[in-house]
Amino acid sequence: MISTFFLLMMSSSAIAQCTKITAQSQLSSTSDGVGALWYGSLDYNNGSLGLPSVVDISTSNDFQPDGTLLASSVAPFTSYAVNSGYVSEQVLFRCDAADAGKVYEVYATNGDAAYAGMYDDGSITGVAPKSYATYVRNIAIRFTNMETGEFYDKIWKSRPLTGLDTDSQGRLLVKAKNFSAVQTEIFRLNYARSGTNNAASYLYAYTQPNAYIAFRGPGITGPADGADSQTSFPGWYGTWPASIGLYNYVTFRRGATCKVSNFTPVVTLPAINISALQAGEVSQSPFTLDFQCQSAATSGLKTGQIALGFLAPPASVAAATKYGLITSGAANYLLDEQYGAAGHARGVGVKIYRNNQPMQFLTTDTTKTTGWSPILGGDQTLVDSNTAQGINSYTETFMAQLEKFGGDELTAGSYQAHAQILIRIQ
């Protein structure tokens, strides 16, 4: 009998592999991070891109020319990837140490969906390249990977995942914090793709994501660089950690509208001392807002009418809430964005006066009436009327006033805050 002995040699790289992590029990230690259930890039699973809750679409190509940028935002992966959000330390995949340099995030638009990521409508006239058709008529969307600086398109691109944490055995931990932030841009196009929604008000209900992020690494198949997402989607949906889209987050309103054309960017308030504030004195400074309206636009707070508001930042809202300065969901004062920090004034806030009447500050852009004012509800001046285009131009002066609010001890220091000017169809 002749016996033959074969010695099979396998390198460690040949058996290296990545594993999807969906439970804490899969991790070797709590110090590794968070292990939790996640399903992947289901159609309805997108999170918030940080866009305004309402985006206005003008009925006039003159008022909103081809390629007008209507909204823009930058959002972290932890916010936009899934509707429940990820915590930054959530471990999505674990890979062997030998897999270093072989793990990637892979990204593309949703190339097999006509109203999500198939058609680059922004390139039709060249006004907004790589902006893809959506389910809303005249609206295209563009995404930018904030790490690579590249636009998303329907051809898959990848980015190496580096600088990864490791566990006690040296294995790589691919966490939510390792994936890229995304910039989103919403453009109005003159081109109107057939079959799209043309309603006066439409909460985006088309469930197809506009784009995806997939994962690729040893043991987990993902899209290849250069493949077309219209026909290539290996790994969908279970090992794709992000659905990127508008579904259920943005309402588009269509009609005659108004827009900001210019404003005073920085309002400097004169210094004032504690004794003067205690005596009821204030520090004031005017600022100007220029805006345009279509002649068919109607000023007011009812559905379809145009309103103006000043949106306070979250830090100011949190401070105002703490001191009981919120009435019916709107803030009575704009507080310092670092309120309570060393060197920052306390016991004071800013009010904006319109036509000698105080305005409240919006705490969210989702409210219908509280904190809003009719666009033509002040002492604005008509400075130009273009009857050919149906556009009226206005200017208005507001007063910013720093004063004590009585809910906290007056403390000397600096004051700094900002407010966002919003004009929208109600």
Protein backbone atom coordinates (compact mmCIF):
# COMPACT_ATOMS: atom_id res chain seq x y z
CA MET A 1 0.00 0.00 0.00
CA ILE A 2 1.33 3.35 -0.96
CA SER A 3 0.23 6.19 1.20
CA THR A 4 0.47 9.80 0.14
CA PHE A 5 0.44 12.62 2.64
CA PHE A 6 -0.52 16.08 1.47
CA LEU A 7 0.40 19.05 3.57
CA LEU A 8 -1.98 21.94 2.91
CA MET A 9 -0.58 25.31 3.87
CA MET A 10 -2.98 28.22 4.24
CA SER A 11 -1.94 31.78 4.86
CA SER A 12 -3.82 33.80 7.45
CA SER A 13 -4.99 36.18 4.72
CA ALA A 14 -6.73 33.32 2.93
CA ILE A 15 -9.13 32.77 5.80
CA ALA A 16 -9.48 36.36 6.95
CA GLN A 17 -13.08 37.52 6.90
CA CYS A 18 -15.55 40.14 8.08
CA THR A 19 -18.70 39.52 10.09
CA LYS A 20 -21.85 41.61 10.41
CA ILE A 21 -22.46 42.55 14.06
CA THR A 22 -26.08 42.70 15.22
CA ALA A 23 -25.85 41.93 18.96
CA GLN A 24 -23.69 42.88 21.93
CA SER A 25 -23.02 39.19 22.56
CA GLN A 26 -20.98 39.01 19.35
CA LEU A 27 -18.41 41.43 20.79
CA SER A 28 -15.61 40.28 23.07
CA SER A 29 -16.05 43.17 25.52
CA THR A 30 -18.27 46.15 26.22
CA SER A 31 -15.20 48.28 25.60
CA ASP A 32 -15.35 47.24 21.94
CA GLY A 33 -18.41 49.41 21.40
CA VAL A 34 -22.14 48.86 20.93
CA GLY A 35 -23.59 45.78 19.29
CA ALA A 36 -27.22 46.18 18.25
CA LEU A 37 -29.70 44.88 15.71
CA TRP A 38 -29.74 46.62 12.34
CA TYR A 39 -31.53 45.49 9.22
CA GLY A 40 -29.79 47.28 6.39
CA SER A 41 -30.89 49.50 3.54
CA LEU A 42 -34.61 48.79 3.40
CA ASP A 43 -36.62 51.12 1.18
CA TYR A 44 -38.27 53.01 4.05
CA ASN A 45 -35.30 53.00 6.41
CA ASN A 46 -33.62 56.33 5.61
CA GLY A 47 -32.86 58.87 8.33
CA SER A 48 -32.74 62.66 8.38
CA LEU A 49 -30.44 64.51 6.00
CA GLY A 50 -30.84 67.70 8.02
CA LEU A 51 -32.77 69.45 5.26
CA PRO A 52 -35.55 71.96 5.97
CA SER A 53 -38.86 70.25 6.67
CA VAL A 54 -40.47 72.38 3.92
CA VAL A 55 -38.99 73.29 0.53
CA ASP A 56 -40.81 75.79 -1.70
CA ILE A 57 -41.00 75.36 -5.48
CA SER A 58 -41.89 78.48 -7.44
CA THR A 59 -44.32 78.30 -10.33
CA SER A 60 -42.11 80.77 -12.21
CA ASN A 61 -38.92 79.96 -14.09
CA ASP A 62 -37.97 83.63 -13.78
CA PHE A 63 -38.31 83.66 -10.00
CA GLN A 64 -36.40 80.40 -9.55
CA PRO A 65 -34.16 80.07 -12.63
CA ASP A 66 -32.98 76.72 -13.94
CA GLY A 67 -30.52 75.22 -11.45
CA THR A 68 -31.60 77.28 -8.42
CA LEU A 69 -30.32 75.71 -5.20
CA LEU A 70 -33.38 75.42 -2.95
CA ALA A 71 -31.86 73.66 0.05
CA SER A 72 -28.53 72.27 1.23
CA SER A 73 -27.30 70.39 4.28
CA VAL A 74 -24.48 68.27 5.64
CA ALA A 75 -25.39 65.32 7.84
CA PRO A 76 -23.36 62.67 9.68
CA PHE A 77 -23.80 58.99 8.89
CA THR A 78 -25.27 58.46 12.36
CA SER A 79 -28.24 60.67 11.42
CA TYR A 80 -28.99 59.91 7.78
CA ALA A 81 -28.20 56.21 7.40
CA VAL A 82 -31.28 54.72 9.10
CA ASN A 83 -34.45 56.26 10.52
CA SER A 84 -33.68 55.13 14.06
CA GLY A 85 -30.13 56.48 13.81
CA TYR A 86 -26.88 54.81 14.81
CA VAL A 87 -24.77 55.66 17.83
CA SER A 88 -21.26 56.58 16.75
CA GLU A 89 -19.70 53.63 18.61
CA GLN A 90 -22.06 51.03 17.15
CA VAL A 91 -20.04 48.22 15.60
CA LEU A 92 -21.51 47.27 12.24
CA PHE A 93 -18.80 44.84 11.10
CA ARG A 94 -15.82 43.10 12.64
CA CYS A 95 -12.94 42.04 10.42
CA ASP A 96 -9.75 40.09 11.04
CA ALA A 97 -6.53 42.04 11.54
CA ALA A 98 -5.29 40.73 8.20
CA ASP A 99 -8.19 42.53 6.50
CA ALA A 100 -6.63 45.96 7.07
CA GLY A 101 -6.62 47.86 3.78
CA LYS A 102 -9.29 45.60 2.31
CA VAL A 103 -12.49 47.05 3.78
CA TYR A 104 -14.48 49.79 2.04
CA GLU A 105 -17.60 51.87 2.09
CA VAL A 106 -19.11 51.81 -1.39
CA TYR A 107 -21.58 54.45 -2.54
CA ALA A 108 -23.86 55.25 -5.48
CA THR A 109 -27.27 56.59 -6.36
CA ASN A 110 -30.19 54.18 -6.62
CA GLY A 111 -29.64 53.46 -10.28
CA ASP A 112 -32.51 51.04 -10.82
CA ALA A 113 -35.22 53.53 -9.73
CA ALA A 114 -36.39 56.07 -12.32
CA TYR A 115 -37.36 58.67 -9.71
CA ALA A 116 -34.48 58.10 -7.30
CA GLY A 117 -31.06 57.69 -8.88
CA MET A 118 -31.36 56.56 -12.49
CA TYR A 119 -31.54 59.83 -14.43
CA ASP A 120 -29.01 62.65 -14.12
CA ASP A 121 -31.51 65.39 -14.94
CA GLY A 122 -29.17 68.12 -13.73
CA SER A 123 -26.84 67.42 -16.64
CA ILE A 124 -29.55 67.82 -19.28
CA THR A 125 -28.96 71.58 -19.37
CA GLY A 126 -25.66 71.44 -17.48
CA VAL A 127 -26.85 73.60 -14.59
CA ALA A 128 -26.38 71.02 -11.81
CA PRO A 129 -24.37 67.97 -12.94
CA LYS A 130 -24.87 64.71 -11.03
CA SER A 131 -28.26 65.87 -9.75
CA TYR A 132 -30.70 63.01 -10.12
CA ALA A 133 -34.41 63.00 -10.78
CA THR A 134 -36.73 62.64 -7.79
CA TYR A 135 -40.43 61.86 -7.58
CA VAL A 136 -41.17 65.61 -7.34
CA ARG A 137 -41.47 67.46 -10.63
CA ASN A 138 -38.70 70.00 -11.32
CA ILE A 139 -36.67 68.71 -8.35
CA ALA A 140 -33.29 66.99 -8.58
CA ILE A 141 -31.03 65.86 -5.76
CA ARG A 142 -27.24 65.69 -5.54
CA PHE A 143 -25.08 63.98 -2.93
CA THR A 144 -21.42 64.57 -2.13
CA ASN A 145 -19.23 62.22 -0.10
CA MET A 146 -17.66 64.60 2.41
CA GLU A 147 -14.51 62.49 2.79
CA THR A 148 -13.65 62.04 -0.90
CA GLY A 149 -15.32 65.21 -2.20
CA GLU A 150 -16.86 63.18 -5.01
CA PHE A 151 -20.44 63.43 -6.20
CA TYR A 152 -22.54 60.29 -5.98
CA ASP A 153 -23.63 58.92 -9.35
CA LYS A 154 -25.02 55.59 -10.53
CA ILE A 155 -21.53 54.15 -10.95
CA TRP A 156 -20.25 52.63 -7.73
CA LYS A 157 -17.26 54.30 -6.05
CA SER A 158 -15.44 53.21 -2.90
CA ARG A 159 -13.49 54.72 -0.02
CA PRO A 160 -11.08 52.67 2.14
CA LEU A 161 -12.08 52.51 5.79
CA THR A 162 -8.95 53.29 7.77
CA GLY A 163 -8.06 54.31 11.31
CA LEU A 164 -10.39 51.64 12.69
CA ASP A 165 -10.61 50.68 16.36
CA THR A 166 -9.56 47.17 17.34
CA ASP A 167 -10.66 44.70 19.98
CA SER A 168 -8.45 42.85 22.47
CA GLN A 169 -7.58 40.28 19.80
CA GLY A 170 -6.51 42.93 17.31
CA ARG A 171 -9.58 42.49 15.12
CA LEU A 172 -10.86 45.53 13.23
CA LEU A 173 -14.07 47.15 14.43
CA VAL A 174 -15.95 48.97 11.68
CA LYS A 175 -18.17 51.46 13.50
CA ALA A 176 -20.83 53.94 12.45
CA LYS A 177 -18.38 56.77 13.14
CA ASN A 178 -16.10 55.47 10.38
CA PHE A 179 -18.56 56.10 7.54
CA SER A 180 -18.72 59.36 5.63
CA ALA A 181 -20.89 62.39 6.18
CA VAL A 182 -22.93 63.46 3.15
CA GLN A 183 -23.82 66.81 1.66
CA THR A 184 -27.27 67.02 0.10
CA GLU A 185 -28.32 69.66 -2.42
CA ILE A 186 -31.85 70.17 -3.75
CA PHE A 187 -32.11 71.94 -7.10
CA ARG A 188 -35.05 73.32 -9.05
CA LEU A 189 -34.85 72.45 -12.74
CA ASN A 190 -36.93 73.77 -15.61
CA TYR A 191 -36.94 70.23 -16.99
CA ALA A 192 -40.10 68.42 -15.90
CA ARG A 193 -39.85 64.63 -15.97
CA SER A 194 -43.16 62.94 -16.78
CA GLY A 195 -44.87 60.83 -14.13
CA THR A 196 -43.62 62.94 -11.22
CA ASN A 197 -45.67 64.54 -8.46
CA ASN A 198 -46.94 68.05 -9.19
CA ALA A 199 -49.14 68.67 -6.12
CA ALA A 200 -49.38 72.01 -4.31
CA SER A 201 -48.14 70.27 -1.15
CA TYR A 202 -46.48 66.86 -1.02
CA LEU A 203 -44.81 65.10 1.91
CA TYR A 204 -42.26 62.93 0.14
CA ALA A 205 -43.86 59.49 0.16
CA TYR A 206 -41.86 57.76 -2.57
CA THR A 207 -40.09 55.04 -0.61
CA GLN A 208 -37.23 54.30 -3.00
CA PRO A 209 -33.97 55.62 -1.50
CA ASN A 210 -32.13 58.20 -3.58
CA ALA A 211 -28.74 56.64 -2.80
CA TYR A 212 -27.03 53.89 -0.83
CA ILE A 213 -23.89 53.10 1.10
CA ALA A 214 -22.80 49.47 0.93
CA PHE A 215 -19.95 47.64 2.65
CA ARG A 216 -17.30 45.52 0.97
CA GLY A 217 -14.65 43.40 2.65
CA PRO A 218 -13.30 39.83 2.85
CA GLY A 219 -16.22 37.47 3.39
CA ILE A 220 -18.83 40.12 2.59
CA THR A 221 -19.56 40.78 -1.06
CA GLY A 222 -20.29 44.34 -2.05
CA PRO A 223 -20.54 46.26 -5.31
CA ALA A 224 -17.37 46.50 -7.38
CA ASP A 225 -15.87 49.86 -8.28
CA GLY A 226 -17.07 50.96 -11.71
CA ALA A 227 -20.16 48.74 -11.72
CA ASP A 228 -23.51 50.32 -12.60
CA SER A 229 -25.98 50.46 -9.71
CA GLN A 230 -28.81 50.04 -12.21
CA THR A 231 -27.82 46.39 -12.66
CA SER A 232 -25.29 45.63 -9.91
CA PHE A 233 -26.31 45.48 -6.27
CA PRO A 234 -24.60 42.52 -4.52
CA GLY A 235 -25.15 42.44 -0.77
CA TRP A 236 -28.39 44.42 -0.85
CA TYR A 237 -29.93 45.00 1.57
CA GLY A 238 -28.60 43.15 4.62
CA THR A 239 -24.97 44.30 4.53
CA TRP A 240 -25.66 47.78 3.18
CA PRO A 241 -25.70 50.03 6.25
CA ALA A 242 -27.34 53.13 4.74
CA SER A 243 -30.44 54.13 2.80
CA ILE A 244 -30.14 57.79 1.83
CA GLY A 245 -33.27 59.66 0.87
CA LEU A 246 -36.08 62.14 1.31
CA TYR A 247 -38.84 59.72 2.28
CA ASN A 248 -41.10 61.03 5.04
CA TYR A 249 -38.80 63.94 5.98
CA VAL A 250 -39.38 66.76 3.48
CA THR A 251 -42.59 68.44 2.27
CA PHE A 252 -42.48 70.21 -1.09
CA ARG A 253 -44.86 73.12 -1.57
CA ARG A 254 -45.50 74.53 -5.02
CA GLY A 255 -46.90 77.96 -5.83
CA ALA A 256 -46.25 81.69 -6.04
CA THR A 257 -43.72 82.48 -3.33
CA CYS A 258 -41.13 84.92 -1.95
CA LYS A 259 -37.40 84.75 -1.29
CA VAL A 260 -34.62 86.60 0.55
CA SER A 261 -32.47 88.69 -1.79
CA ASN A 262 -30.19 90.41 0.75
CA PHE A 263 -29.83 90.98 4.51
CA THR A 264 -27.56 92.46 7.15
CA PRO A 265 -25.26 89.51 7.93
CA VAL A 266 -23.93 90.71 11.31
CA VAL A 267 -25.83 92.87 13.78
CA THR A 268 -23.53 94.52 16.32
CA LEU A 269 -25.18 95.64 19.55
CA PRO A 270 -23.64 98.52 21.55
CA ALA A 271 -22.10 97.59 24.89
CA ILE A 272 -24.33 98.12 27.92
CA ASN A 273 -23.54 97.72 31.62
CA ILE A 274 -25.37 95.77 34.30
CA SER A 275 -26.72 98.81 36.12
CA ALA A 276 -28.30 100.14 32.93
CA LEU A 277 -29.94 96.78 32.23
CA GLN A 278 -31.23 96.60 35.80
CA ALA A 279 -32.77 100.04 35.30
CA GLY A 280 -34.66 98.76 32.26
CA GLU A 281 -32.42 100.19 29.58
CA VAL A 282 -31.71 98.20 26.41
CA SER A 283 -29.11 97.95 23.65
CA GLN A 284 -30.52 98.30 20.12
CA SER A 285 -29.33 98.01 16.55
CA PRO A 286 -31.34 98.00 13.30
CA PHE A 287 -30.88 95.52 10.47
CA THR A 288 -32.31 95.30 6.99
CA LEU A 289 -33.97 92.47 5.07
CA ASP A 290 -34.50 92.69 1.31
CA PHE A 291 -36.87 90.20 -0.28
CA GLN A 292 -38.74 89.53 -3.50
CA CYS A 293 -42.22 88.15 -4.05
CA GLN A 294 -44.06 86.92 -7.09
CA SER A 295 -46.95 89.27 -7.76
CA ALA A 296 -49.35 86.34 -7.35
CA ALA A 297 -48.02 85.50 -3.87
CA THR A 298 -50.41 86.05 -0.95
CA SER A 299 -49.11 87.21 2.43
CA GLY A 300 -50.49 85.41 5.50
CA LEU A 301 -50.45 82.35 7.74
CA LYS A 302 -53.11 80.25 6.04
CA THR A 303 -52.41 77.31 3.75
CA GLY A 304 -50.75 78.49 0.55
CA GLN A 305 -49.90 81.93 1.91
CA ILE A 306 -46.37 83.27 2.48
CA ALA A 307 -44.87 83.84 5.94
CA LEU A 308 -41.60 85.03 7.47
CA GLY A 309 -39.86 83.67 10.55
CA PHE A 310 -36.54 83.74 12.41
CA LEU A 311 -35.35 80.27 13.44
CA ALA A 312 -33.31 80.03 16.65
CA PRO A 313 -30.46 77.48 16.84
CA PRO A 314 -30.89 74.41 19.09
CA ALA A 315 -28.50 75.70 21.77
CA SER A 316 -30.48 78.92 22.15
CA VAL A 317 -33.74 76.99 22.24
CA ALA A 318 -32.41 74.70 24.97
CA ALA A 319 -31.38 77.68 27.11
CA ALA A 320 -34.72 79.44 26.55
CA THR A 321 -36.56 76.27 27.54
CA LYS A 322 -34.56 76.01 30.78
CA TYR A 323 -35.59 79.52 31.83
CA GLY A 324 -39.24 79.26 30.83
CA LEU A 325 -38.96 81.55 27.81
CA ILE A 326 -41.00 79.36 25.44
CA THR A 327 -44.62 80.31 24.72
CA SER A 328 -46.82 78.11 22.53
CA GLY A 329 -43.75 76.42 21.08
CA ALA A 330 -41.88 79.61 20.14
CA ALA A 331 -39.05 81.38 21.99
CA ASN A 332 -39.62 84.86 23.37
CA TYR A 333 -35.89 85.63 23.41
CA LEU A 334 -32.82 84.58 21.45
CA LEU A 335 -30.28 83.55 24.10
CA ASP A 336 -26.52 83.29 23.72
CA GLU A 337 -25.53 80.03 22.02
CA GLN A 338 -23.09 79.33 24.87
CA TYR A 339 -25.42 80.56 27.59
CA GLY A 340 -24.04 79.78 31.03
CA ALA A 341 -20.44 79.36 29.86
CA ALA A 342 -17.68 81.40 31.48
CA GLY A 343 -17.33 84.86 29.98
CA HIS A 344 -20.82 84.89 28.48
CA ALA A 345 -23.56 87.24 29.65
CA ARG A 346 -26.47 85.85 31.65
CA GLY A 347 -29.94 87.16 32.31
CA VAL A 348 -30.18 88.85 28.89
CA GLY A 349 -31.53 87.92 25.49
CA VAL A 350 -32.35 89.50 22.16
CA LYS A 351 -35.78 90.30 20.82
CA ILE A 352 -36.50 91.29 17.23
CA TYR A 353 -39.03 94.06 16.76
CA ARG A 354 -41.04 94.36 13.56
CA ASN A 355 -43.02 97.55 13.17
CA ASN A 356 -42.41 98.17 16.92
CA GLN A 357 -43.92 94.78 17.85
CA PRO A 358 -41.81 91.92 19.27
CA MET A 359 -41.55 88.76 17.21
CA GLN A 360 -41.10 85.28 18.63
CA PHE A 361 -38.35 82.98 17.40
CA LEU A 362 -39.16 79.69 15.73
CA THR A 363 -37.84 76.69 17.64
CA THR A 364 -38.41 74.37 14.68
CA ASP A 365 -39.35 74.92 11.07
CA THR A 366 -42.17 72.38 11.30
CA THR A 367 -44.68 74.67 13.05
CA LYS A 368 -47.57 76.06 11.03
CA THR A 369 -48.34 79.40 12.67
CA THR A 370 -46.51 79.92 16.00
CA GLY A 371 -43.51 82.20 15.51
CA TRP A 372 -44.43 83.06 11.93
CA SER A 373 -45.47 86.47 10.63
CA PRO A 374 -47.15 87.34 7.29
CA ILE A 375 -44.41 88.25 4.81
CA LEU A 376 -46.01 91.65 4.18
CA GLY A 377 -46.96 92.16 7.82
CA GLY A 378 -44.43 94.89 8.60
CA ASP A 379 -43.39 98.33 7.48
CA GLN A 380 -41.79 97.13 4.26
CA THR A 381 -41.16 99.42 1.29
CA LEU A 382 -41.80 98.42 -2.32
CA VAL A 383 -38.59 99.36 -4.13
CA ASP A 384 -39.22 97.81 -7.55
CA SER A 385 -42.02 96.14 -9.49
CA ASN A 386 -41.11 94.11 -12.57
CA THR A 387 -44.49 93.63 -14.22
CA ALA A 388 -43.02 91.69 -17.14
CA GLN A 389 -41.69 88.98 -14.83
CA GLY A 390 -44.33 89.46 -12.14
CA ILE A 391 -41.80 90.10 -9.38
CA ASN A 392 -42.00 92.73 -6.63
CA SER A 393 -38.94 93.75 -4.59
CA TYR A 394 -39.18 94.98 -0.99
CA THR A 395 -36.92 96.22 1.78
CA GLU A 396 -37.72 96.29 5.49
CA THR A 397 -35.87 97.41 8.61
CA PHE A 398 -36.10 95.42 11.85
CA MET A 399 -34.75 96.25 15.30
CA ALA A 400 -32.63 93.84 17.36
CA GLN A 401 -32.82 94.65 21.06
CA LEU A 402 -30.77 93.19 23.92
CA GLU A 403 -32.67 93.33 27.21
CA LYS A 404 -32.96 91.53 30.54
CA PHE A 405 -35.51 88.73 30.76
CA GLY A 406 -35.75 88.40 34.54
CA GLY A 407 -35.38 84.64 34.84
CA ASP A 408 -31.69 84.56 35.72
CA GLU A 409 -29.22 86.78 37.56
CA LEU A 410 -27.68 89.47 35.38
CA THR A 411 -24.03 88.66 34.76
CA ALA A 412 -21.62 90.65 32.60
CA GLY A 413 -20.05 89.02 29.57
CA SER A 414 -20.18 88.70 25.81
CA TYR A 415 -23.26 87.80 23.80
CA GLN A 416 -23.33 85.96 20.48
CA ALA A 417 -26.11 84.12 18.68
CA HIS A 418 -27.50 83.70 15.20
CA ALA A 419 -30.94 83.21 13.73
CA GLN A 420 -31.88 81.78 10.35
CA ILE A 421 -34.25 83.79 8.14
CA LEU A 422 -37.05 81.61 6.76
CA ILE A 423 -39.59 82.54 4.11
CA ARG A 424 -41.96 79.80 3.01
CA ILE A 425 -45.33 78.75 1.69
CA GLN A 426 -47.53 77.74 4.62
